[in-house]
């Protein structure tokens, strides 16, 4: 059985909202590559959203609906980025032990 610290936290949740983990020594496996691609997309989307947020927040005429939608999108992006950070932190910790 793989130690919990050696599992990779995947950048998506299961259908029940719980975290998903990958146990593999192959960083080039199909699922590892899919996770890497998903993380890259999530980071890119968060970067674009940040640029959009700066525009919306500087607009004195932004409506409450626009601000609410922006807030919802920012929360989702922050959740994704924090999951990636937790995964990378766990990965770095596991490598330091070995």
N, C-alpha and C. Protein backbone atom coordinates (compact mmCIF):
# COMPACT_ATOMS: atom_id res chain seq x y z
N UNK A 1 0.85 -1.19 0.00
CA UNK A 1 0.00 0.00 0.00
C UNK A 1 0.88 1.24 0.00
N UNK A 2 0.53 2.23 -0.79
CA UNK A 2 1.27 3.47 -0.90
C UNK A 2 0.96 4.36 0.30
N UNK A 3 2.01 4.97 0.85
CA UNK A 3 1.80 5.89 1.97
C UNK A 3 1.02 7.10 1.50
N UNK A 4 0.19 7.64 2.39
CA UNK A 4 -0.65 8.79 2.06
C UNK A 4 0.19 9.96 1.53
N UNK A 5 1.40 10.13 2.09
CA UNK A 5 2.24 11.25 1.68
C UNK A 5 2.78 11.06 0.26
N UNK A 6 2.73 9.83 -0.29
CA UNK A 6 3.22 9.56 -1.63
C UNK A 6 2.13 9.66 -2.69
N UNK A 7 0.91 9.88 -2.28
CA UNK A 7 -0.20 10.01 -3.22
C UNK A 7 -0.22 11.41 -3.81
N UNK A 8 -0.59 11.49 -5.08
CA UNK A 8 -0.73 12.80 -5.72
C UNK A 8 -2.18 13.25 -5.63
N UNK A 9 -2.37 14.44 -5.08
CA UNK A 9 -3.69 15.05 -5.05
C UNK A 9 -4.01 15.53 -6.45
N UNK A 10 -5.08 15.01 -7.02
CA UNK A 10 -5.45 15.37 -8.38
C UNK A 10 -6.18 16.71 -8.41
N UNK A 11 -6.13 17.41 -9.54
CA UNK A 11 -6.73 18.75 -9.61
C UNK A 11 -8.24 18.74 -9.85
N UNK A 12 -8.91 17.72 -9.40
CA UNK A 12 -10.37 17.66 -9.50
C UNK A 12 -10.89 16.85 -8.32
N UNK A 13 -12.16 17.00 -8.05
CA UNK A 13 -12.82 16.27 -6.97
C UNK A 13 -13.62 15.13 -7.54
N UNK A 14 -13.95 14.19 -6.66
CA UNK A 14 -14.83 13.10 -7.05
C UNK A 14 -16.26 13.61 -7.11
N UNK A 15 -17.19 12.75 -7.55
CA UNK A 15 -18.58 13.16 -7.68
C UNK A 15 -19.20 13.60 -6.34
N UNK A 16 -18.64 13.13 -5.25
CA UNK A 16 -19.15 13.50 -3.93
C UNK A 16 -18.44 14.72 -3.35
N UNK A 17 -17.54 15.32 -4.15
CA UNK A 17 -16.82 16.51 -3.70
C UNK A 17 -15.56 16.21 -2.91
N UNK A 18 -15.28 14.94 -2.69
CA UNK A 18 -14.08 14.57 -1.93
C UNK A 18 -12.86 14.58 -2.84
N UNK A 19 -11.67 14.79 -2.24
CA UNK A 19 -10.46 14.82 -3.05
C UNK A 19 -10.19 13.46 -3.72
N UNK A 20 -9.53 13.52 -4.87
CA UNK A 20 -9.10 12.33 -5.59
C UNK A 20 -7.58 12.27 -5.54
N UNK A 21 -7.05 11.07 -5.39
CA UNK A 21 -5.61 10.88 -5.31
C UNK A 21 -5.16 9.86 -6.34
N UNK A 22 -3.90 9.99 -6.77
CA UNK A 22 -3.31 9.06 -7.71
C UNK A 22 -2.10 8.41 -7.06
N UNK A 23 -2.03 7.11 -7.17
CA UNK A 23 -0.89 6.36 -6.68
C UNK A 23 -0.17 5.75 -7.87
N UNK A 24 0.97 6.33 -8.22
CA UNK A 24 1.77 5.80 -9.33
C UNK A 24 3.20 6.30 -9.21
N UNK A 25 4.14 5.50 -9.68
CA UNK A 25 5.53 5.93 -9.76
C UNK A 25 5.85 6.47 -11.15
N UNK A 26 4.88 6.40 -12.05
CA UNK A 26 5.08 6.80 -13.43
C UNK A 26 4.51 8.19 -13.67
N UNK A 27 5.39 9.20 -13.66
CA UNK A 27 4.95 10.58 -13.88
C UNK A 27 4.52 10.81 -15.32
N UNK A 28 4.73 9.83 -16.18
CA UNK A 28 4.35 9.96 -17.58
C UNK A 28 3.13 9.09 -17.91
N UNK A 29 2.45 8.59 -16.89
CA UNK A 29 1.25 7.79 -17.14
C UNK A 29 0.16 8.68 -17.72
N UNK A 30 -0.82 8.06 -18.34
CA UNK A 30 -1.92 8.82 -18.94
C UNK A 30 -2.59 9.72 -17.90
N UNK A 31 -2.88 9.19 -16.73
CA UNK A 31 -3.57 9.99 -15.71
C UNK A 31 -2.68 11.09 -15.15
N UNK A 32 -1.38 10.82 -15.02
CA UNK A 32 -0.45 11.86 -14.56
C UNK A 32 -0.38 13.00 -15.58
N UNK A 33 -0.31 12.66 -16.85
CA UNK A 33 -0.27 13.69 -17.89
C UNK A 33 -1.58 14.48 -17.94
N UNK A 34 -2.71 13.78 -17.77
CA UNK A 34 -4.01 14.46 -17.74
C UNK A 34 -4.06 15.44 -16.57
N UNK A 35 -3.56 15.02 -15.41
CA UNK A 35 -3.55 15.91 -14.24
C UNK A 35 -2.65 17.12 -14.50
N UNK A 36 -1.47 16.89 -15.10
CA UNK A 36 -0.57 18.00 -15.41
C UNK A 36 -1.23 18.99 -16.38
N UNK A 37 -1.89 18.46 -17.40
CA UNK A 37 -2.57 19.31 -18.38
C UNK A 37 -3.71 20.09 -17.72
N UNK A 38 -4.48 19.42 -16.87
CA UNK A 38 -5.59 20.07 -16.18
C UNK A 38 -5.07 21.19 -15.28
N UNK A 39 -3.99 20.93 -14.56
CA UNK A 39 -3.41 21.96 -13.70
C UNK A 39 -2.95 23.17 -14.53
N UNK A 40 -2.31 22.91 -15.66
CA UNK A 40 -1.84 24.01 -16.52
C UNK A 40 -3.02 24.83 -17.03
N UNK A 41 -4.09 24.17 -17.40
CA UNK A 41 -5.30 24.88 -17.86
C UNK A 41 -5.88 25.71 -16.72
N UNK A 42 -5.96 25.13 -15.52
CA UNK A 42 -6.52 25.85 -14.38
C UNK A 42 -5.68 27.08 -14.04
N UNK A 43 -4.37 26.97 -14.09
CA UNK A 43 -3.50 28.11 -13.81
C UNK A 43 -3.69 29.18 -14.88
N UNK A 44 -3.76 28.77 -16.14
CA UNK A 44 -3.99 29.73 -17.22
C UNK A 44 -5.32 30.45 -17.09
N UNK A 45 -6.37 29.70 -16.74
CA UNK A 45 -7.68 30.31 -16.56
C UNK A 45 -7.67 31.29 -15.39
N UNK A 46 -6.99 30.93 -14.31
CA UNK A 46 -6.90 31.82 -13.15
C UNK A 46 -6.16 33.10 -13.52
N UNK A 47 -5.11 32.97 -14.31
CA UNK A 47 -4.36 34.15 -14.76
C UNK A 47 -5.24 35.07 -15.60
N UNK A 48 -5.99 34.49 -16.53
CA UNK A 48 -6.91 35.28 -17.36
C UNK A 48 -8.01 35.92 -16.51
N UNK A 49 -8.51 35.17 -15.54
CA UNK A 49 -9.56 35.68 -14.67
C UNK A 49 -9.05 36.85 -13.83
N UNK A 50 -7.82 36.76 -13.37
CA UNK A 50 -7.24 37.86 -12.60
C UNK A 50 -7.19 39.13 -13.44
N UNK A 51 -6.76 39.01 -14.69
CA UNK A 51 -6.72 40.18 -15.59
C UNK A 51 -8.12 40.74 -15.79
N UNK A 52 -9.11 39.85 -15.97
CA UNK A 52 -10.50 40.29 -16.14
C UNK A 52 -11.01 40.96 -14.87
N UNK A 53 -10.65 40.40 -13.72
CA UNK A 53 -11.11 40.97 -12.44
C UNK A 53 -10.59 42.40 -12.26
N UNK A 54 -9.36 42.63 -12.66
CA UNK A 54 -8.81 43.98 -12.53
C UNK A 54 -9.58 44.97 -13.39
N UNK A 55 -10.00 44.54 -14.56
CA UNK A 55 -10.80 45.41 -15.44
C UNK A 55 -12.17 45.68 -14.83
N UNK A 56 -12.83 44.62 -14.40
CA UNK A 56 -14.18 44.77 -13.83
C UNK A 56 -14.15 45.63 -12.57
N UNK A 57 -13.18 45.39 -11.71
CA UNK A 57 -13.12 46.14 -10.46
C UNK A 57 -12.76 47.61 -10.66
N UNK A 58 -12.12 47.92 -11.77
CA UNK A 58 -11.81 49.32 -12.04
C UNK A 58 -12.97 50.04 -12.74
N UNK A 59 -13.98 49.29 -13.14
CA UNK A 59 -15.14 49.86 -13.82
C UNK A 59 -16.15 50.35 -12.79
N UNK A 60 -16.31 51.65 -12.69
CA UNK A 60 -17.24 52.24 -11.72
C UNK A 60 -18.69 51.85 -12.02
N UNK A 61 -18.97 51.41 -13.23
CA UNK A 61 -20.34 51.05 -13.62
C UNK A 61 -20.61 49.54 -13.57
N UNK A 62 -19.70 48.78 -12.99
CA UNK A 62 -19.93 47.34 -12.88
C UNK A 62 -21.18 47.09 -12.03
N UNK A 63 -22.02 46.21 -12.52
CA UNK A 63 -23.29 45.95 -11.83
C UNK A 63 -23.08 44.92 -10.72
N UNK A 64 -24.01 44.88 -9.77
CA UNK A 64 -23.93 43.85 -8.73
C UNK A 64 -23.90 42.43 -9.32
N UNK A 65 -24.65 42.19 -10.39
CA UNK A 65 -24.63 40.86 -11.02
C UNK A 65 -23.25 40.54 -11.60
N UNK A 66 -22.61 41.52 -12.22
CA UNK A 66 -21.26 41.31 -12.76
C UNK A 66 -20.26 41.03 -11.64
N UNK A 67 -20.38 41.77 -10.54
CA UNK A 67 -19.48 41.57 -9.41
C UNK A 67 -19.73 40.22 -8.74
N UNK A 68 -20.98 39.81 -8.65
CA UNK A 68 -21.31 38.51 -8.07
C UNK A 68 -20.75 37.39 -8.94
N UNK A 69 -20.91 37.49 -10.26
CA UNK A 69 -20.38 36.48 -11.17
C UNK A 69 -18.85 36.42 -11.08
N UNK A 70 -18.23 37.60 -11.02
CA UNK A 70 -16.78 37.66 -10.88
C UNK A 70 -16.34 36.99 -9.58
N UNK A 71 -17.03 37.29 -8.49
CA UNK A 71 -16.69 36.69 -7.20
C UNK A 71 -16.82 35.17 -7.24
N UNK A 72 -17.88 34.69 -7.85
CA UNK A 72 -18.08 33.25 -7.97
C UNK A 72 -16.95 32.60 -8.75
N UNK A 73 -16.57 33.22 -9.87
CA UNK A 73 -15.48 32.69 -10.68
C UNK A 73 -14.14 32.75 -9.96
N UNK A 74 -13.91 33.83 -9.22
CA UNK A 74 -12.66 33.96 -8.45
C UNK A 74 -12.57 32.90 -7.36
N UNK A 75 -13.67 32.62 -6.70
CA UNK A 75 -13.69 31.58 -5.66
C UNK A 75 -13.35 30.21 -6.27
N UNK A 76 -13.93 29.91 -7.42
CA UNK A 76 -13.63 28.65 -8.08
C UNK A 76 -12.17 28.55 -8.48
N UNK A 77 -11.63 29.63 -9.02
CA UNK A 77 -10.22 29.64 -9.43
C UNK A 77 -9.30 29.51 -8.23
N UNK A 78 -9.64 30.20 -7.15
CA UNK A 78 -8.83 30.11 -5.93
C UNK A 78 -8.85 28.69 -5.38
N UNK A 79 -10.00 28.05 -5.39
CA UNK A 79 -10.12 26.66 -4.94
C UNK A 79 -9.19 25.76 -5.77
N UNK A 80 -9.22 25.95 -7.09
CA UNK A 80 -8.37 25.13 -7.98
C UNK A 80 -6.89 25.37 -7.70
N UNK A 81 -6.50 26.63 -7.57
CA UNK A 81 -5.10 26.97 -7.34
C UNK A 81 -4.62 26.45 -5.99
N UNK A 82 -5.47 26.53 -4.97
CA UNK A 82 -5.09 26.00 -3.66
C UNK A 82 -4.93 24.49 -3.70
N UNK A 83 -5.76 23.82 -4.48
CA UNK A 83 -5.63 22.36 -4.62
C UNK A 83 -4.31 22.02 -5.31
N UNK A 84 -3.95 22.80 -6.34
CA UNK A 84 -2.67 22.58 -7.03
C UNK A 84 -1.51 22.83 -6.06
N UNK A 85 -1.60 23.90 -5.30
CA UNK A 85 -0.54 24.22 -4.33
C UNK A 85 -0.40 23.11 -3.29
N UNK A 86 -1.53 22.59 -2.80
CA UNK A 86 -1.48 21.50 -1.82
C UNK A 86 -0.84 20.26 -2.44
N UNK A 87 -1.18 19.99 -3.69
CA UNK A 87 -0.61 18.83 -4.37
C UNK A 87 0.90 18.99 -4.54
N UNK A 88 1.32 20.16 -4.96
CA UNK A 88 2.75 20.40 -5.18
C UNK A 88 3.51 20.39 -3.85
N UNK A 89 2.91 20.94 -2.82
CA UNK A 89 3.53 20.95 -1.50
C UNK A 89 3.71 19.52 -0.99
N UNK A 90 2.70 18.71 -1.17
CA UNK A 90 2.76 17.31 -0.75
C UNK A 90 3.84 16.58 -1.56
N UNK A 91 3.92 16.87 -2.86
CA UNK A 91 4.91 16.25 -3.73
C UNK A 91 6.32 16.64 -3.30
N UNK A 92 6.53 17.91 -2.98
CA UNK A 92 7.85 18.37 -2.54
C UNK A 92 8.24 17.73 -1.21
N UNK A 93 7.26 17.58 -0.30
CA UNK A 93 7.53 16.97 0.99
C UNK A 93 7.94 15.50 0.82
N UNK A 94 7.23 14.81 -0.06
CA UNK A 94 7.52 13.39 -0.31
C UNK A 94 8.92 13.24 -0.91
N UNK A 95 9.32 14.15 -1.80
CA UNK A 95 10.63 14.06 -2.43
C UNK A 95 11.74 14.36 -1.42
N UNK A 96 11.48 15.26 -0.48
CA UNK A 96 12.48 15.62 0.52
C UNK A 96 12.78 14.44 1.44
N UNK A 97 11.79 13.60 1.68
CA UNK A 97 11.96 12.44 2.56
C UNK A 97 12.81 11.38 1.89
N UNK A 98 12.69 11.28 0.57
CA UNK A 98 13.43 10.21 -0.14
C UNK A 98 14.78 10.66 -0.47
